[in-house]
PDB file of N, CA and C in Angstrom:
ATOM      1  N   ASP A   1      -9.168   5.798 -24.179  1.00  0.00           N
ATOM      2  CA  ASP A   1      -7.776   5.964 -23.866  1.00  0.00           C
ATOM      3  C   ASP A   1      -7.595   7.097 -22.861  1.00  0.00           C
ATOM      4  N   TYR A   2      -6.405   7.230 -22.332  1.00  0.00           N
ATOM      5  CA  TYR A   2      -6.098   8.199 -21.270  1.00  0.00           C
ATOM      6  C   TYR A   2      -6.485   9.622 -21.668  1.00  0.00           C
ATOM      7  N   ALA A   3      -6.056  10.052 -22.859  1.00  0.00           N
ATOM      8  CA  ALA A   3      -6.311  11.425 -23.312  1.00  0.00           C
ATOM      9  C   ALA A   3      -7.801  11.728 -23.367  1.00  0.00           C
ATOM     10  N   GLU A   4      -8.572  10.805 -23.903  1.00  0.00           N
ATOM     11  CA  GLU A   4     -10.011  11.008 -23.984  1.00  0.00           C
ATOM     12  C   GLU A   4     -10.655  10.999 -22.604  1.00  0.00           C
ATOM     13  N   TYR A   5     -10.280  10.042 -21.773  1.00  0.00           N
ATOM     14  CA  TYR A   5     -10.889   9.896 -20.452  1.00  0.00           C
ATOM     15  C   TYR A   5     -10.670  11.143 -19.591  1.00  0.00           C
ATOM     16  N   PHE A   6      -9.440  11.683 -19.603  1.00  0.00           N
ATOM     17  CA  PHE A   6      -9.133  12.837 -18.772  1.00  0.00           C
ATOM     18  C   PHE A   6      -9.255  14.161 -19.517  1.00  0.00           C
ATOM     19  N   LYS A   7      -9.711  14.090 -20.785  1.00  0.00           N
ATOM     20  CA  LYS A   7      -9.949  15.270 -21.606  1.00  0.00           C
ATOM     21  C   LYS A   7      -8.707  16.162 -21.718  1.00  0.00           C
ATOM     22  N   VAL A   8      -7.605  15.544 -22.107  1.00  0.00           N
ATOM     23  CA  VAL A   8      -6.347  16.256 -22.361  1.00  0.00           C
ATOM     24  C   VAL A   8      -5.853  15.878 -23.749  1.00  0.00           C
ATOM     25  N   ASP A   9      -4.946  16.682 -24.297  1.00  0.00           N
ATOM     26  CA  ASP A   9      -4.396  16.351 -25.615  1.00  0.00           C
ATOM     27  C   ASP A   9      -3.376  15.214 -25.486  1.00  0.00           C
ATOM     28  N   ASN A  10      -2.954  14.674 -26.619  1.00  0.00           N
ATOM     29  CA  ASN A  10      -2.049  13.510 -26.605  1.00  0.00           C
ATOM     30  C   ASN A  10      -0.698  13.817 -25.972  1.00  0.00           C
ATOM     31  N   ALA A  11      -0.155  15.017 -26.209  1.00  0.00           N
ATOM     32  CA  ALA A  11       1.139  15.379 -25.618  1.00  0.00           C
ATOM     33  C   ALA A  11       1.034  15.446 -24.093  1.00  0.00           C
ATOM     34  N   THR A  12      -0.057  16.024 -23.590  1.00  0.00           N
ATOM     35  CA  THR A  12      -0.273  16.097 -22.144  1.00  0.00           C
ATOM     36  C   THR A  12      -0.462  14.704 -21.562  1.00  0.00           C
ATOM     37  N   ALA A  13      -1.192  13.860 -22.278  1.00  0.00           N
ATOM     38  CA  ALA A  13      -1.403  12.486 -21.817  1.00  0.00           C
ATOM     39  C   ALA A  13      -0.075  11.749 -21.695  1.00  0.00           C
ATOM     40  N   GLN A  14       0.783  11.871 -22.701  1.00  0.00           N
ATOM     41  CA  GLN A  14       2.093  11.208 -22.674  1.00  0.00           C
ATOM     42  C   GLN A  14       2.937  11.733 -21.514  1.00  0.00           C
ATOM     43  N   HIS A  15       2.942  13.049 -21.334  1.00  0.00           N
ATOM     44  CA  HIS A  15       3.687  13.668 -20.233  1.00  0.00           C
ATOM     45  C   HIS A  15       3.172  13.159 -18.884  1.00  0.00           C
ATOM     46  N   ASN A  16       1.862  13.188 -18.696  1.00  0.00           N
ATOM     47  CA  ASN A  16       1.280  12.759 -17.422  1.00  0.00           C
ATOM     48  C   ASN A  16       1.575  11.292 -17.133  1.00  0.00           C
ATOM     49  N   LEU A  17       1.489  10.439 -18.134  1.00  0.00           N
ATOM     50  CA  LEU A  17       1.781   9.024 -17.931  1.00  0.00           C
ATOM     51  C   LEU A  17       3.237   8.813 -17.556  1.00  0.00           C
ATOM     52  N   THR A  18       4.130   9.532 -18.221  1.00  0.00           N
ATOM     53  CA  THR A  18       5.561   9.407 -17.914  1.00  0.00           C
ATOM     54  C   THR A  18       5.849   9.886 -16.499  1.00  0.00           C
ATOM     55  N   VAL A  19       5.340  11.055 -16.141  1.00  0.00           N
ATOM     56  CA  VAL A  19       5.572  11.607 -14.804  1.00  0.00           C
ATOM     57  C   VAL A  19       4.949  10.721 -13.735  1.00  0.00           C
ATOM     58  N   SER A  20       3.754  10.213 -13.983  1.00  0.00           N
ATOM     59  CA  SER A  20       3.111   9.373 -12.965  1.00  0.00           C
ATOM     60  C   SER A  20       3.891   8.083 -12.732  1.00  0.00           C
ATOM     61  N   MET A  21       4.484   7.524 -13.792  1.00  0.00           N
ATOM     62  CA  MET A  21       5.279   6.305 -13.615  1.00  0.00           C
ATOM     63  C   MET A  21       6.574   6.591 -12.862  1.00  0.00           C
ATOM     64  N   ALA A  22       7.047   7.832 -12.923  1.00  0.00           N
ATOM     65  CA  ALA A  22       8.275   8.199 -12.223  1.00  0.00           C
ATOM     66  C   ALA A  22       8.010   8.842 -10.857  1.00  0.00           C
ATOM     67  N   SER A  23       6.756   8.984 -10.480  1.00  0.00           N
ATOM     68  CA  SER A  23       6.408   9.721  -9.264  1.00  0.00           C
ATOM     69  C   SER A  23       6.865   9.046  -7.970  1.00  0.00           C
ATOM     70  N   ASN A  24       7.194   7.773  -8.014  1.00  0.00           N
ATOM     71  CA  ASN A  24       7.689   7.114  -6.792  1.00  0.00           C
ATOM     72  C   ASN A  24       8.984   7.754  -6.294  1.00  0.00           C
ATOM     73  N   GLU A  25       9.772   8.311  -7.217  1.00  0.00           N
ATOM     74  CA  GLU A  25      10.992   9.025  -6.829  1.00  0.00           C
ATOM     75  C   GLU A  25      10.642  10.180  -5.888  1.00  0.00           C
ATOM     76  N   VAL A  26       9.629  10.945  -6.260  1.00  0.00           N
ATOM     77  CA  VAL A  26       9.184  12.085  -5.461  1.00  0.00           C
ATOM     78  C   VAL A  26       8.611  11.603  -4.130  1.00  0.00           C
ATOM     79  N   LEU A  27       7.751  10.619  -4.207  1.00  0.00           N
ATOM     80  CA  LEU A  27       7.079  10.129  -3.005  1.00  0.00           C
ATOM     81  C   LEU A  27       8.086   9.580  -1.997  1.00  0.00           C
ATOM     82  N   SER A  28       9.079   8.872  -2.469  1.00  0.00           N
ATOM     83  CA  SER A  28      10.101   8.316  -1.589  1.00  0.00           C
ATOM     84  C   SER A  28      10.811   9.422  -0.807  1.00  0.00           C
ATOM     85  N   LYS A  29      11.178  10.487  -1.493  1.00  0.00           N
ATOM     86  CA  LYS A  29      11.859  11.606  -0.830  1.00  0.00           C
ATOM     87  C   LYS A  29      10.923  12.318   0.136  1.00  0.00           C
ATOM     88  N   ALA A  30       9.664  12.474  -0.248  1.00  0.00           N
ATOM     89  CA  ALA A  30       8.696  13.132   0.631  1.00  0.00           C
ATOM     90  C   ALA A  30       8.473  12.311   1.901  1.00  0.00           C
ATOM     91  N   LEU A  31       8.354  10.995   1.747  1.00  0.00           N
ATOM     92  CA  LEU A  31       8.149  10.140   2.921  1.00  0.00           C
ATOM     93  C   LEU A  31       9.349  10.189   3.856  1.00  0.00           C
ATOM     94  N   ASP A  32      10.556  10.279   3.295  1.00  0.00           N
ATOM     95  CA  ASP A  32      11.754  10.405   4.132  1.00  0.00           C
ATOM     96  C   ASP A  32      11.689  11.658   4.990  1.00  0.00           C
ATOM     97  N   GLN A  33      11.166  12.740   4.432  1.00  0.00           N
ATOM     98  CA  GLN A  33      11.119  14.001   5.153  1.00  0.00           C
ATOM     99  C   GLN A  33       9.903  14.119   6.066  1.00  0.00           C
ATOM    100  N   LEU A  34       8.778  13.574   5.648  1.00  0.00           N
ATOM    101  CA  LEU A  34       7.539  13.744   6.411  1.00  0.00           C
ATOM    102  C   LEU A  34       7.333  12.688   7.487  1.00  0.00           C
ATOM    103  N   SER A  35       7.839  11.513   7.255  1.00  0.00           N
ATOM    104  CA  SER A  35       7.740  10.401   8.207  1.00  0.00           C
ATOM    105  C   SER A  35       6.320  10.206   8.717  1.00  0.00           C
ATOM    106  N   GLU A  36       6.122  10.355   9.997  1.00  0.00           N
ATOM    107  CA  GLU A  36       4.822  10.097  10.638  1.00  0.00           C
ATOM    108  C   GLU A  36       3.759  11.140  10.289  1.00  0.00           C
ATOM    109  N   SER A  37       4.166  12.247   9.665  1.00  0.00           N
ATOM    110  CA  SER A  37       3.211  13.308   9.331  1.00  0.00           C
ATOM    111  C   SER A  37       2.506  13.065   7.997  1.00  0.00           C
ATOM    112  N   TYR A  38       2.977  12.077   7.216  1.00  0.00           N
ATOM    113  CA  TYR A  38       2.342  11.736   5.934  1.00  0.00           C
ATOM    114  C   TYR A  38       0.999  11.067   6.197  1.00  0.00           C
ATOM    115  N   VAL A  39      -0.026  11.467   5.445  1.00  0.00           N
ATOM    116  CA  VAL A  39      -1.349  10.842   5.554  1.00  0.00           C
ATOM    117  C   VAL A  39      -1.696  10.118   4.257  1.00  0.00           C
ATOM    118  N   SER A  40      -1.629  10.815   3.122  1.00  0.00           N
ATOM    119  CA  SER A  40      -1.958  10.208   1.830  1.00  0.00           C
ATOM    120  C   SER A  40      -1.460  11.141   0.725  1.00  0.00           C
ATOM    121  N   HIS A  41      -1.608  10.690  -0.500  1.00  0.00           N
ATOM    122  CA  HIS A  41      -1.255  11.539  -1.634  1.00  0.00           C
ATOM    123  C   HIS A  41      -2.117  11.205  -2.830  1.00  0.00           C
ATOM    124  N   GLU A  42      -2.104  12.088  -3.804  1.00  0.00           N
ATOM    125  CA  GLU A  42      -2.823  11.857  -5.052  1.00  0.00           C
ATOM    126  C   GLU A  42      -2.101  12.581  -6.183  1.00  0.00           C
ATOM    127  N   LEU A  43      -2.282  12.070  -7.379  1.00  0.00           N
ATOM    128  CA  LEU A  43      -1.804  12.737  -8.594  1.00  0.00           C
ATOM    129  C   LEU A  43      -3.030  13.214  -9.352  1.00  0.00           C
ATOM    130  N   THR A  44      -3.028  14.466  -9.756  1.00  0.00           N
ATOM    131  CA  THR A  44      -4.139  14.947 -10.565  1.00  0.00           C
ATOM    132  C   THR A  44      -3.874  14.567 -12.014  1.00  0.00           C
ATOM    133  N   ASP A  45      -4.901  14.368 -12.779  1.00  0.00           N
ATOM    134  CA  ASP A  45      -4.765  13.929 -14.172  1.00  0.00           C
ATOM    135  C   ASP A  45      -5.251  14.989 -15.154  1.00  0.00           C
ATOM    136  N   ASP A  46      -5.134  16.240 -14.786  1.00  0.00           N
ATOM    137  CA  ASP A  46      -5.587  17.293 -15.682  1.00  0.00           C
ATOM    138  C   ASP A  46      -4.418  17.875 -16.474  1.00  0.00           C
ATOM    139  N   LYS A  47      -4.665  18.980 -17.156  1.00  0.00           N
ATOM    140  CA  LYS A  47      -3.632  19.596 -17.987  1.00  0.00           C
ATOM    141  C   LYS A  47      -2.395  19.970 -17.178  1.00  0.00           C
ATOM    142  N   ASP A  48      -2.584  20.375 -15.937  1.00  0.00           N
ATOM    143  CA  ASP A  48      -1.478  20.779 -15.065  1.00  0.00           C
ATOM    144  C   ASP A  48      -1.311  19.758 -13.939  1.00  0.00           C
ATOM    145  N   MET A  49      -0.797  18.576 -14.284  1.00  0.00           N
ATOM    146  CA  MET A  49      -0.623  17.486 -13.327  1.00  0.00           C
ATOM    147  C   MET A  49       0.204  17.954 -12.130  1.00  0.00           C
ATOM    148  N   LYS A  50      -0.200  17.504 -10.946  1.00  0.00           N
ATOM    149  CA  LYS A  50       0.573  17.784  -9.740  1.00  0.00           C
ATOM    150  C   LYS A  50       0.357  16.661  -8.744  1.00  0.00           C
ATOM    151  N   MET A  51       1.281  16.547  -7.798  1.00  0.00           N
ATOM    152  CA  MET A  51       1.129  15.603  -6.706  1.00  0.00           C
ATOM    153  C   MET A  51       0.688  16.402  -5.479  1.00  0.00           C
ATOM    154  N   ILE A  52      -0.418  15.993  -4.901  1.00  0.00           N
ATOM    155  CA  ILE A  52      -0.900  16.619  -3.678  1.00  0.00           C
ATOM    156  C   ILE A  52      -0.606  15.648  -2.544  1.00  0.00           C
ATOM    157  N   ILE A  53       0.159  16.117  -1.562  1.00  0.00           N
ATOM    158  CA  ILE A  53       0.518  15.289  -0.416  1.00  0.00           C
ATOM    159  C   ILE A  53      -0.249  15.816   0.794  1.00  0.00           C
ATOM    160  N   HIS A  54      -1.091  14.966   1.352  1.00  0.00           N
ATOM    161  CA  HIS A  54      -1.873  15.326   2.529  1.00  0.00           C
ATOM    162  C   HIS A  54      -1.085  14.919   3.773  1.00  0.00           C
ATOM    163  N   THR A  55      -0.990  15.834   4.714  1.00  0.00           N
ATOM    164  CA  THR A  55      -0.212  15.597   5.925  1.00  0.00           C
ATOM    165  C   THR A  55      -1.037  15.930   7.161  1.00  0.00           C
ATOM    166  N   THR A  56      -0.449  15.649   8.301  1.00  0.00           N
ATOM    167  CA  THR A  56      -1.063  16.063   9.562  1.00  0.00           C
ATOM    168  C   THR A  56      -0.952  17.587   9.675  1.00  0.00           C
ATOM    169  N   PRO A  57      -1.780  18.207  10.512  1.00  0.00           N
ATOM    170  CA  PRO A  57      -1.806  19.674  10.610  1.00  0.00           C
ATOM    171  C   PRO A  57      -0.512  20.326  11.107  1.00  0.00           C
ATOM    172  N   ASP A  58       0.424  19.571  11.644  1.00  0.00           N
ATOM    173  CA  ASP A  58       1.660  20.163  12.158  1.00  0.00           C
ATOM    174  C   ASP A  58       2.666  20.528  11.061  1.00  0.00           C
ATOM    175  N   ILE A  59       2.387  20.175   9.816  1.00  0.00           N
ATOM    176  CA  ILE A  59       3.279  20.478   8.687  1.00  0.00           C
ATOM    177  C   ILE A  59       2.778  21.742   7.986  1.00  0.00           C
ATOM    178  N   ALA A  60       3.684  22.628   7.628  1.00  0.00           N
ATOM    179  CA  ALA A  60       3.307  23.860   6.934  1.00  0.00           C
ATOM    180  C   ALA A  60       2.863  23.567   5.502  1.00  0.00           C
ATOM    181  N   ALA A  61       1.824  24.251   5.083  1.00  0.00           N
ATOM    182  CA  ALA A  61       1.366  24.140   3.698  1.00  0.00           C
ATOM    183  C   ALA A  61       2.421  24.760   2.786  1.00  0.00           C
ATOM    184  N   GLY A  62       2.491  24.260   1.565  1.00  0.00           N
ATOM    185  CA  GLY A  62       3.447  24.828   0.626  1.00  0.00           C
ATOM    186  C   GLY A  62       3.329  24.181  -0.735  1.00  0.00           C
ATOM    187  N   SER A  63       4.058  24.732  -1.683  1.00  0.00           N
ATOM    188  CA  SER A  63       4.110  24.132  -3.019  1.00  0.00           C
ATOM    189  C   SER A  63       5.535  24.261  -3.539  1.00  0.00           C
ATOM    190  N   TYR A  64       5.937  23.251  -4.291  1.00  0.00           N
ATOM    191  CA  TYR A  64       7.307  23.139  -4.770  1.00  0.00           C
ATOM    192  C   TYR A  64       7.297  22.512  -6.148  1.00  0.00           C
ATOM    193  N   ASP A  65       8.337  22.757  -6.921  1.00  0.00           N
ATOM    194  CA  ASP A  65       8.530  22.067  -8.188  1.00  0.00           C
ATOM    195  C   ASP A  65       9.650  21.058  -7.985  1.00  0.00           C
ATOM    196  N   TYR A  66       9.349  19.789  -8.248  1.00  0.00           N
ATOM    197  CA  TYR A  66      10.341  18.731  -8.126  1.00  0.00           C
ATOM    198  C   TYR A  66      10.811  18.349  -9.527  1.00  0.00           C
ATOM    199  N   VAL A  67      12.100  18.438  -9.779  1.00  0.00           N
ATOM    200  CA  VAL A  67      12.674  18.043 -11.072  1.00  0.00           C
ATOM    201  C   VAL A  67      13.117  16.589 -10.948  1.00  0.00           C
ATOM    202  N   LEU A  68      12.499  15.733 -11.731  1.00  0.00           N
ATOM    203  CA  LEU A  68      12.808  14.302 -11.678  1.00  0.00           C
ATOM    204  C   LEU A  68      14.243  14.045 -12.137  1.00  0.00           C
ATOM    205  N   ALA A  69      14.944  13.185 -11.406  1.00  0.00           N
ATOM    206  CA  ALA A  69      16.356  12.918 -11.690  1.00  0.00           C
ATOM    207  C   ALA A  69      16.592  11.542 -12.311  1.00  0.00           C
ATOM    208  N   GLY A  70      15.651  10.624 -12.121  1.00  0.00           N
ATOM    209  CA  GLY A  70      15.820   9.279 -12.661  1.00  0.00           C
ATOM    210  C   GLY A  70      15.875   9.281 -14.180  1.00  0.00           C
ATOM    211  N   ASP A  71      16.558   8.309 -14.751  1.00  0.00           N
ATOM    212  CA  ASP A  71      16.740   8.245 -16.204  1.00  0.00           C
ATOM    213  C   ASP A  71      15.429   8.245 -16.977  1.00  0.00           C
ATOM    214  N   PHE A  72      14.406   7.606 -16.440  1.00  0.00           N
ATOM    215  CA  PHE A  72      13.144   7.434 -17.156  1.00  0.00           C
ATOM    216  C   PHE A  72      12.478   8.772 -17.493  1.00  0.00           C
ATOM    217  N   ALA A  73      12.493   9.714 -16.550  1.00  0.00           N
ATOM    218  CA  ALA A  73      11.801  10.988 -16.754  1.00  0.00           C
ATOM    219  C   ALA A  73      12.703  12.177 -16.422  1.00  0.00           C
ATOM    220  N   LYS A  74      13.982  11.995 -16.576  1.00  0.00           N
ATOM    221  CA  LYS A  74      14.974  13.001 -16.181  1.00  0.00           C
ATOM    222  C   LYS A  74      14.644  14.376 -16.759  1.00  0.00           C
ATOM    223  N   GLY A  75      14.616  15.362 -15.860  1.00  0.00           N
ATOM    224  CA  GLY A  75      14.388  16.737 -16.269  1.00  0.00           C
ATOM    225  C   GLY A  75      12.939  17.179 -16.272  1.00  0.00           C
ATOM    226  N   LEU A  76      11.997  16.237 -16.235  1.00  0.00           N
ATOM    227  CA  LEU A  76      10.592  16.628 -16.185  1.00  0.00           C
ATOM    228  C   LEU A  76      10.275  17.162 -14.790  1.00  0.00           C
ATOM    229  N   VAL A  77       9.324  18.066 -14.716  1.00  0.00           N
ATOM    230  CA  VAL A  77       8.974  18.713 -13.452  1.00  0.00           C
ATOM    231  C   VAL A  77       7.608  18.228 -12.984  1.00  0.00           C
ATOM    232  N   LEU A  78       7.534  17.881 -11.696  1.00  0.00           N
ATOM    233  CA  LEU A  78       6.264  17.522 -11.072  1.00  0.00           C
ATOM    234  C   LEU A  78       6.006  18.498  -9.936  1.00  0.00           C
ATOM    235  N   PRO A  79       5.015  19.382 -10.097  1.00  0.00           N
ATOM    236  CA  PRO A  79       4.667  20.278  -8.995  1.00  0.00           C
ATOM    237  C   PRO A  79       4.129  19.480  -7.801  1.00  0.00           C
ATOM    238  N   ILE A  80       4.558  19.881  -6.610  1.00  0.00           N
ATOM    239  CA  ILE A  80       4.145  19.228  -5.366  1.00  0.00           C
ATOM    240  C   ILE A  80       3.380  20.249  -4.535  1.00  0.00           C
ATOM    241  N   VAL A  81       2.234  19.846  -4.008  1.00  0.00           N
ATOM    242  CA  VAL A  81       1.451  20.692  -3.112  1.00  0.00           C
ATOM    243  C   VAL A  81       1.322  19.956  -1.783  1.00  0.00           C
ATOM    244  N   ILE A  82       1.739  20.611  -0.710  1.00  0.00           N
ATOM    245  CA  ILE A  82       1.605  20.042   0.633  1.00  0.00           C
ATOM    246  C   ILE A  82       0.340  20.627   1.248  1.00  0.00           C
ATOM    247  N   GLN A  83      -0.591  19.746   1.612  1.00  0.00           N
ATOM    248  CA  GLN A  83      -1.827  20.181   2.246  1.00  0.00           C
ATOM    249  C   GLN A  83      -1.941  19.524   3.618  1.00  0.00           C
ATOM    250  N   PRO A  84      -1.793  20.304   4.682  1.00  0.00           N
ATOM    251  CA  PRO A  84      -1.858  19.749   6.040  1.00  0.00           C
ATOM    252  C   PRO A  84      -3.300  19.584   6.522  1.00  0.00           C
ATOM    253  N   ASP A  85      -4.071  18.802   5.765  1.00  0.00           N
ATOM    254  CA  ASP A  85      -5.494  18.653   6.065  1.00  0.00           C
ATOM    255  C   ASP A  85      -5.860  17.272   6.603  1.00  0.00           C
ATOM    256  N   GLY A  86      -4.892  16.378   6.706  1.00  0.00           N
ATOM    257  CA  GLY A  86      -5.160  15.043   7.234  1.00  0.00           C
ATOM    258  C   GLY A  86      -6.093  14.208   6.382  1.00  0.00           C
ATOM    259  N   LYS A  87      -6.284  14.574   5.123  1.00  0.00           N
ATOM    260  CA  LYS A  87      -7.265  13.923   4.237  1.00  0.00           C
ATOM    261  C   LYS A  87      -6.801  12.545   3.782  1.00  0.00           C
ATOM    262  N   LYS A  88      -7.714  11.604   3.860  1.00  0.00           N
ATOM    263  CA  LYS A  88      -7.504  10.269   3.289  1.00  0.00           C
ATOM    264  C   LYS A  88      -8.620  10.003   2.297  1.00  0.00           C
ATOM    265  N   GLY A  89      -8.282   9.333   1.199  1.00  0.00           N
ATOM    266  CA  GLY A  89      -9.305   8.921   0.237  1.00  0.00           C
ATOM    267  C   GLY A  89      -9.844  10.055  -0.613  1.00  0.00           C
ATOM    268  N   ASP A  90     -10.844   9.729  -1.437  1.00  0.00           N
ATOM    269  CA  ASP A  90     -11.522  10.670  -2.325  1.00  0.00           C
ATOM    270  C   ASP A  90     -10.611  11.321  -3.346  1.00  0.00           C
ATOM    271  N   ALA A  91      -9.675  10.582  -3.889  1.00  0.00           N
ATOM    272  CA  ALA A  91      -8.779  11.129  -4.912  1.00  0.00           C
ATOM    273  C   ALA A  91      -9.556  11.388  -6.188  1.00  0.00           C
ATOM    274  N   ASN A  92      -9.240  12.485  -6.847  1.00  0.00           N
ATOM    275  CA  ASN A  92      -9.857  12.789  -8.134  1.00  0.00           C
ATOM    276  C   ASN A  92      -9.003  12.320  -9.295  1.00  0.00           C
ATOM    277  N   GLY A  93      -7.774  11.950  -9.017  1.00  0.00           N
ATOM    278  CA  GLY A  93      -6.872  11.498 -10.068  1.00  0.00           C
ATOM    279  C   GLY A  93      -6.561  10.039  -9.886  1.00  0.00           C
ATOM    280  N   HIS A  94      -5.275   9.698  -9.888  1.00  0.00           N
ATOM    281  CA  HIS A  94      -4.869   8.330  -9.667  1.00  0.00           C
ATOM    282  C   HIS A  94      -5.256   7.881  -8.271  1.00  0.00           C
ATOM    283  N   ASP A  95      -5.365   6.592  -8.061  1.00  0.00           N
ATOM    284  CA  ASP A  95      -5.668   6.089  -6.738  1.00  0.00           C
ATOM    285  C   ASP A  95      -4.582   6.517  -5.761  1.00  0.00           C
ATOM    286  N   GLU A  96      -4.995   6.828  -4.558  1.00  0.00           N
ATOM    287  CA  GLU A  96      -4.037   7.217  -3.524  1.00  0.00           C
ATOM    288  C   GLU A  96      -3.394   5.983  -2.930  1.00  0.00           C
ATOM    289  N   LEU A  97      -2.173   6.167  -2.512  1.00  0.00           N
ATOM    290  CA  LEU A  97      -1.485   5.156  -1.737  1.00  0.00           C
ATOM    291  C   LEU A  97      -1.509   5.631  -0.308  1.00  0.00           C
ATOM    292  N   GLN A  98      -1.977   4.814   0.582  1.00  0.00           N
ATOM    293  CA  GLN A  98      -2.043   5.225   1.980  1.00  0.00           C
ATOM    294  C   GLN A  98      -1.155   4.323   2.803  1.00  0.00           C
ATOM    295  N   GLU A  99      -0.513   4.924   3.778  1.00  0.00           N
ATOM    296  CA  GLU A  99       0.382   4.183   4.655  1.00  0.00           C
ATOM    297  C   GLU A  99      -0.398   3.509   5.744  1.00  0.00           C
TER     298      GLU A  99
END
Protein backbone atom coordinates (compact mmCIF):
# COMPACT_ATOMS: atom_id res chain seq x y z
CA ASP A 1 0.00 0.00 0.00
CA TYR A 2 0.98 3.67 -0.34
CA ALA A 3 2.12 4.13 3.28
CA GLU A 4 4.38 1.09 3.17
CA TYR A 5 5.78 1.82 -0.29
CA PHE A 6 6.74 5.42 0.52
CA LYS A 7 7.59 4.64 4.17
CA VAL A 8 5.16 7.14 5.71
CA ASP A 9 2.51 6.74 8.40
CA ASN A 10 -1.17 6.28 7.51
CA ALA A 11 -2.13 9.91 8.28
CA THR A 12 0.65 11.20 6.00
CA ALA A 13 -0.37 8.74 3.30
CA GLN A 14 -3.99 9.93 3.43
CA HIS A 15 -2.89 13.58 3.35
CA ASN A 16 -0.52 13.01 0.42
CA LEU A 17 -3.14 11.11 -1.59
CA THR A 18 -5.73 13.83 -1.01
CA VAL A 19 -3.33 16.65 -1.91
CA SER A 20 -2.03 14.84 -4.98
CA MET A 21 -5.57 14.32 -6.29
CA ALA A 22 -6.22 18.04 -5.83
CA SER A 23 -2.86 19.18 -7.23
CA ASN A 24 -4.29 19.99 -10.68
CA GLU A 25 -5.71 23.16 -9.10
CA VAL A 26 -2.16 24.30 -8.30
CA LEU A 27 -0.73 23.19 -11.62
CA SER A 28 -3.42 25.00 -13.59
CA LYS A 29 -2.63 28.30 -11.85
CA ALA A 30 1.11 27.78 -12.25
CA LEU A 31 0.76 27.07 -15.97
CA ASP A 32 -1.31 30.25 -16.38
CA GLN A 33 1.53 32.26 -14.86
CA LEU A 34 4.53 30.42 -16.30
CA SER A 35 3.24 29.77 -19.81
CA GLU A 36 6.17 28.97 -22.11
CA SER A 37 8.63 28.88 -19.18
CA TYR A 38 7.11 25.67 -17.73
CA VAL A 39 9.21 22.55 -18.37
CA SER A 40 7.88 19.82 -16.03
CA HIS A 41 6.76 19.13 -12.50
CA GLU A 42 6.79 16.43 -9.86
CA LEU A 43 5.15 15.67 -6.53
CA THR A 44 7.34 14.23 -3.82
CA ASP A 45 5.86 11.35 -1.82
CA ASP A 46 7.73 11.76 1.43
CA LYS A 47 6.66 13.03 4.85
CA ASP A 48 6.83 16.64 3.62
CA MET A 49 5.06 16.41 0.24
CA LYS A 50 5.71 19.28 -2.15
CA MET A 51 5.27 20.13 -5.81
CA ILE A 52 8.50 20.93 -7.61
CA ILE A 53 7.97 22.92 -10.80
CA HIS A 54 10.90 22.93 -13.22
CA THR A 55 11.12 25.99 -15.44
CA THR A 56 13.40 27.61 -17.95
CA PRO A 57 16.34 29.57 -16.46
CA ASP A 58 14.63 32.96 -16.98
CA ILE A 59 12.26 32.34 -14.02
CA ALA A 60 13.42 33.19 -10.49
CA ALA A 61 13.77 30.32 -8.05
CA GLY A 62 11.42 30.42 -5.10
CA SER A 63 9.15 28.54 -2.75
CA TYR A 64 5.56 29.21 -1.78
CA ASP A 65 2.75 27.63 0.20
CA TYR A 66 -0.40 27.12 -1.85
CA VAL A 67 -3.64 26.73 0.13
CA LEU A 68 -6.03 24.54 -1.84
CA ALA A 69 -9.43 26.16 -2.41
CA GLY A 70 -11.40 23.38 -4.10
CA ASP A 71 -14.01 21.55 -2.02
CA PHE A 72 -12.15 18.23 -2.17
CA ALA A 73 -9.05 19.42 -0.27
CA LYS A 74 -10.08 22.88 0.90
CA GLY A 75 -7.63 24.40 3.35
CA LEU A 76 -4.84 21.87 2.86
CA VAL A 77 -1.44 23.35 2.02
CA LEU A 78 0.83 22.20 -0.80
CA PRO A 79 4.33 23.70 -0.71
CA ILE A 80 5.53 24.74 -4.18
CA VAL A 81 9.20 24.93 -5.16
CA ILE A 82 10.17 26.69 -8.39
CA GLN A 83 13.42 25.35 -9.83
CA PRO A 84 14.66 27.13 -12.97
CA ASP A 85 16.77 24.16 -14.04
CA GLY A 86 14.99 23.12 -17.24
CA LYS A 87 14.79 19.53 -15.91
CA LYS A 88 12.60 16.95 -17.60
CA GLY A 89 12.02 13.42 -16.35
CA ASP A 90 13.64 11.50 -13.49
CA ALA A 91 10.86 12.17 -10.99
CA ASN A 92 11.34 10.61 -7.58
CA GLY A 93 7.67 10.88 -6.69
CA HIS A 94 4.60 10.76 -8.88
CA ASP A 95 5.09 10.62 -12.61
CA GLU A 96 5.73 14.01 -14.15
CA LEU A 97 3.39 15.58 -16.60
CA GLN A 98 5.27 17.24 -19.40
CA GLU A 99 3.93 19.73 -21.87
